[in-house]
Amino acid sequence: MAVIPQQIRCYLPLTAGQVEELHEQGSMQGDLVAFVVTESVRGSDPTGDEESWEYAALQDAAAHCHEAGLPVVVAAADVGRDTIEDSASTGSRVTVHGPVSLPRIASLHVGDDLLGEVPTVSADAGLIELSWYDATELAHVRSLL
């Protein structure tokens, strides 16, 4: 029998206010928009693997920021499976019932346009270019905003 992990990796698109809250309070409260590997994500790429599905969920979170006209900042967090509400029949979008504390954040992903390097969206691939930061670099990410 397969063991179902109690934690699930989710990608949380963050506003500047949420970055500030995470930095100042050490957690984010409330119901949070998140993106995870769902059955729909797996079904859209049946020959994919866990890494490619995770990348798709990360890209969905980054696109959520970009489409809302926000700086692209995404937190990768491991949260309890029981805090996730997946009411959509397609896509990777879910709701995480908070709080999500800083120790749950594995990494931060920042749109490269915040770094002055390249445009956020790669014209040829339609992907959002991201730079990776360790969660301990939250203060630096905050300074980019």
Protein backbone atom coordinates (compact mmCIF):
# COMPACT_ATOMS: atom_id res chain seq x y z
CA MET A 1 0.00 0.00 0.00
CA ALA A 2 1.31 3.46 -0.96
CA VAL A 3 1.92 5.99 1.78
CA ILE A 4 0.24 9.34 1.14
CA PRO A 5 2.40 12.21 2.40
CA GLN A 6 0.77 14.47 4.97
CA GLN A 7 2.54 17.52 3.53
CA ILE A 8 2.08 18.95 0.07
CA ARG A 9 4.25 21.46 -1.79
CA CYS A 10 2.29 24.51 -2.82
CA TYR A 11 3.24 27.68 -4.63
CA LEU A 12 1.86 30.86 -3.10
CA PRO A 13 1.83 34.00 -5.27
CA LEU A 14 2.68 36.84 -2.87
CA THR A 15 1.74 40.48 -2.82
CA ALA A 16 4.16 43.04 -1.41
CA GLY A 17 1.92 43.18 1.66
CA GLN A 18 2.18 39.42 2.18
CA VAL A 19 5.97 39.56 1.85
CA GLU A 20 5.95 42.28 4.49
CA GLU A 21 3.62 40.25 6.74
CA LEU A 22 5.78 37.16 6.39
CA HIS A 23 8.90 39.17 7.21
CA GLU A 24 7.41 41.10 10.14
CA GLN A 25 5.07 38.49 11.67
CA GLY A 26 6.77 35.26 10.60
CA SER A 27 3.56 33.97 9.01
CA MET A 28 0.72 34.83 6.64
CA GLN A 29 -2.87 34.61 7.80
CA GLY A 30 -6.14 33.90 6.05
CA ASP A 31 -7.19 31.92 3.05
CA LEU A 32 -4.36 32.06 0.53
CA VAL A 33 -4.42 31.47 -3.22
CA ALA A 34 -2.00 28.68 -4.05
CA PHE A 35 -1.07 26.37 -6.90
CA VAL A 36 -0.29 22.66 -6.48
CA VAL A 37 0.15 19.52 -8.53
CA THR A 38 -3.42 18.31 -8.98
CA GLU A 39 -4.83 15.39 -10.91
CA SER A 40 -5.69 17.92 -13.62
CA VAL A 41 -2.03 18.97 -13.87
CA ARG A 42 -0.92 15.34 -14.08
CA GLY A 43 -3.57 14.64 -16.71
CA SER A 44 -2.51 17.58 -18.86
CA ASP A 45 0.98 16.08 -19.14
CA PRO A 46 0.59 12.30 -18.71
CA THR A 47 4.19 11.60 -19.75
CA GLY A 48 5.56 14.16 -17.30
CA ASP A 49 7.19 13.50 -13.96
CA GLU A 50 6.85 15.11 -10.54
CA GLU A 51 9.48 17.73 -11.36
CA SER A 52 7.75 18.88 -14.55
CA TRP A 53 4.36 18.97 -12.80
CA GLU A 54 5.83 21.03 -9.94
CA TYR A 55 7.33 23.43 -12.48
CA ALA A 56 3.91 23.81 -14.13
CA ALA A 57 2.30 24.69 -10.77
CA LEU A 58 5.12 27.18 -10.06
CA GLN A 59 4.60 28.79 -13.47
CA ASP A 60 0.84 29.03 -12.78
CA ALA A 61 1.57 30.89 -9.52
CA ALA A 62 3.99 33.24 -11.29
CA ALA A 63 1.45 33.86 -14.06
CA HIS A 64 -1.16 34.69 -11.40
CA CYS A 65 1.07 37.53 -10.13
CA HIS A 66 1.96 38.72 -13.62
CA GLU A 67 -1.65 38.74 -14.86
CA ALA A 68 -2.72 40.73 -11.77
CA GLY A 69 -0.08 43.36 -12.60
CA LEU A 70 1.91 42.52 -9.46
CA PRO A 71 5.64 41.95 -9.08
CA VAL A 72 6.26 38.23 -9.47
CA VAL A 73 7.10 36.74 -6.07
CA VAL A 74 6.18 33.15 -5.28
CA ALA A 75 6.80 31.21 -2.08
CA ALA A 76 7.22 27.44 -2.26
CA ALA A 77 5.76 26.07 0.97
CA ASP A 78 5.07 22.67 2.45
CA VAL A 79 1.66 22.70 4.10
CA GLY A 80 -0.60 20.11 5.62
CA ARG A 81 -2.72 18.30 3.07
CA ASP A 82 -5.72 18.98 5.30
CA THR A 83 -5.29 22.78 4.86
CA ILE A 84 -5.81 22.59 1.07
CA GLU A 85 -9.21 23.13 -0.50
CA ASP A 86 -9.36 22.05 -4.13
CA SER A 87 -12.79 22.94 -5.46
CA ALA A 88 -11.79 23.45 -9.11
CA SER A 89 -12.17 20.63 -11.57
CA THR A 90 -9.26 21.80 -13.72
CA GLY A 91 -5.97 23.57 -13.26
CA SER A 92 -3.65 23.83 -10.30
CA ARG A 93 -5.31 26.63 -8.31
CA VAL A 94 -6.39 25.80 -4.76
CA THR A 95 -6.98 27.61 -1.48
CA VAL A 96 -4.70 27.12 1.51
CA HIS A 97 -6.40 27.81 4.80
CA GLY A 98 -3.70 29.67 6.75
CA PRO A 99 -1.71 30.47 8.59
CA VAL A 100 1.44 29.60 6.70
CA SER A 101 4.51 30.20 8.85
CA LEU A 102 8.02 31.05 7.71
CA PRO A 103 9.45 27.65 8.72
CA ARG A 104 7.07 26.11 6.14
CA ILE A 105 8.60 28.19 3.32
CA ALA A 106 11.18 26.17 1.41
CA SER A 107 12.18 28.82 -1.13
CA LEU A 108 11.20 32.05 -2.82
CA HIS A 109 11.00 32.63 -6.57
CA VAL A 110 11.26 36.16 -7.95
CA GLY A 111 10.54 37.40 -11.45
CA ASP A 112 13.82 38.33 -13.12
CA ASP A 113 12.41 41.73 -14.09
CA LEU A 114 12.66 42.74 -10.40
CA LEU A 115 16.36 42.08 -10.67
CA GLY A 116 16.73 44.22 -13.79
CA GLU A 117 17.97 41.24 -15.76
CA VAL A 118 15.42 40.24 -18.39
CA PRO A 119 11.73 40.71 -19.06
CA THR A 120 9.56 38.53 -16.83
CA VAL A 121 7.85 36.69 -19.66
CA SER A 122 10.05 35.00 -22.22
CA ALA A 123 8.50 35.88 -25.58
CA ASP A 124 9.54 32.68 -27.30
CA ALA A 125 8.50 30.20 -24.62
CA GLY A 126 5.69 32.04 -22.82
CA LEU A 127 7.37 31.12 -19.54
CA ILE A 128 8.08 33.47 -16.66
CA GLU A 129 11.78 33.72 -15.90
CA LEU A 130 12.40 33.27 -12.17
CA SER A 131 15.35 33.48 -9.82
CA TRP A 132 15.52 31.21 -6.77
CA TYR A 133 16.11 32.45 -3.22
CA ASP A 134 16.41 30.52 0.00
CA ALA A 135 13.75 31.38 2.59
CA THR A 136 16.50 32.87 4.77
CA GLU A 137 16.89 35.56 2.09
CA LEU A 138 13.39 36.94 2.72
CA ALA A 139 14.74 40.35 3.82
CA HIS A 140 16.60 40.67 0.51
CA VAL A 141 13.51 39.69 -1.50
CA ARG A 142 11.53 42.26 0.50
CA SER A 143 14.09 44.93 -0.43
CA LEU A 144 13.54 44.17 -4.13
CA LEU A 145 9.93 45.24 -3.82
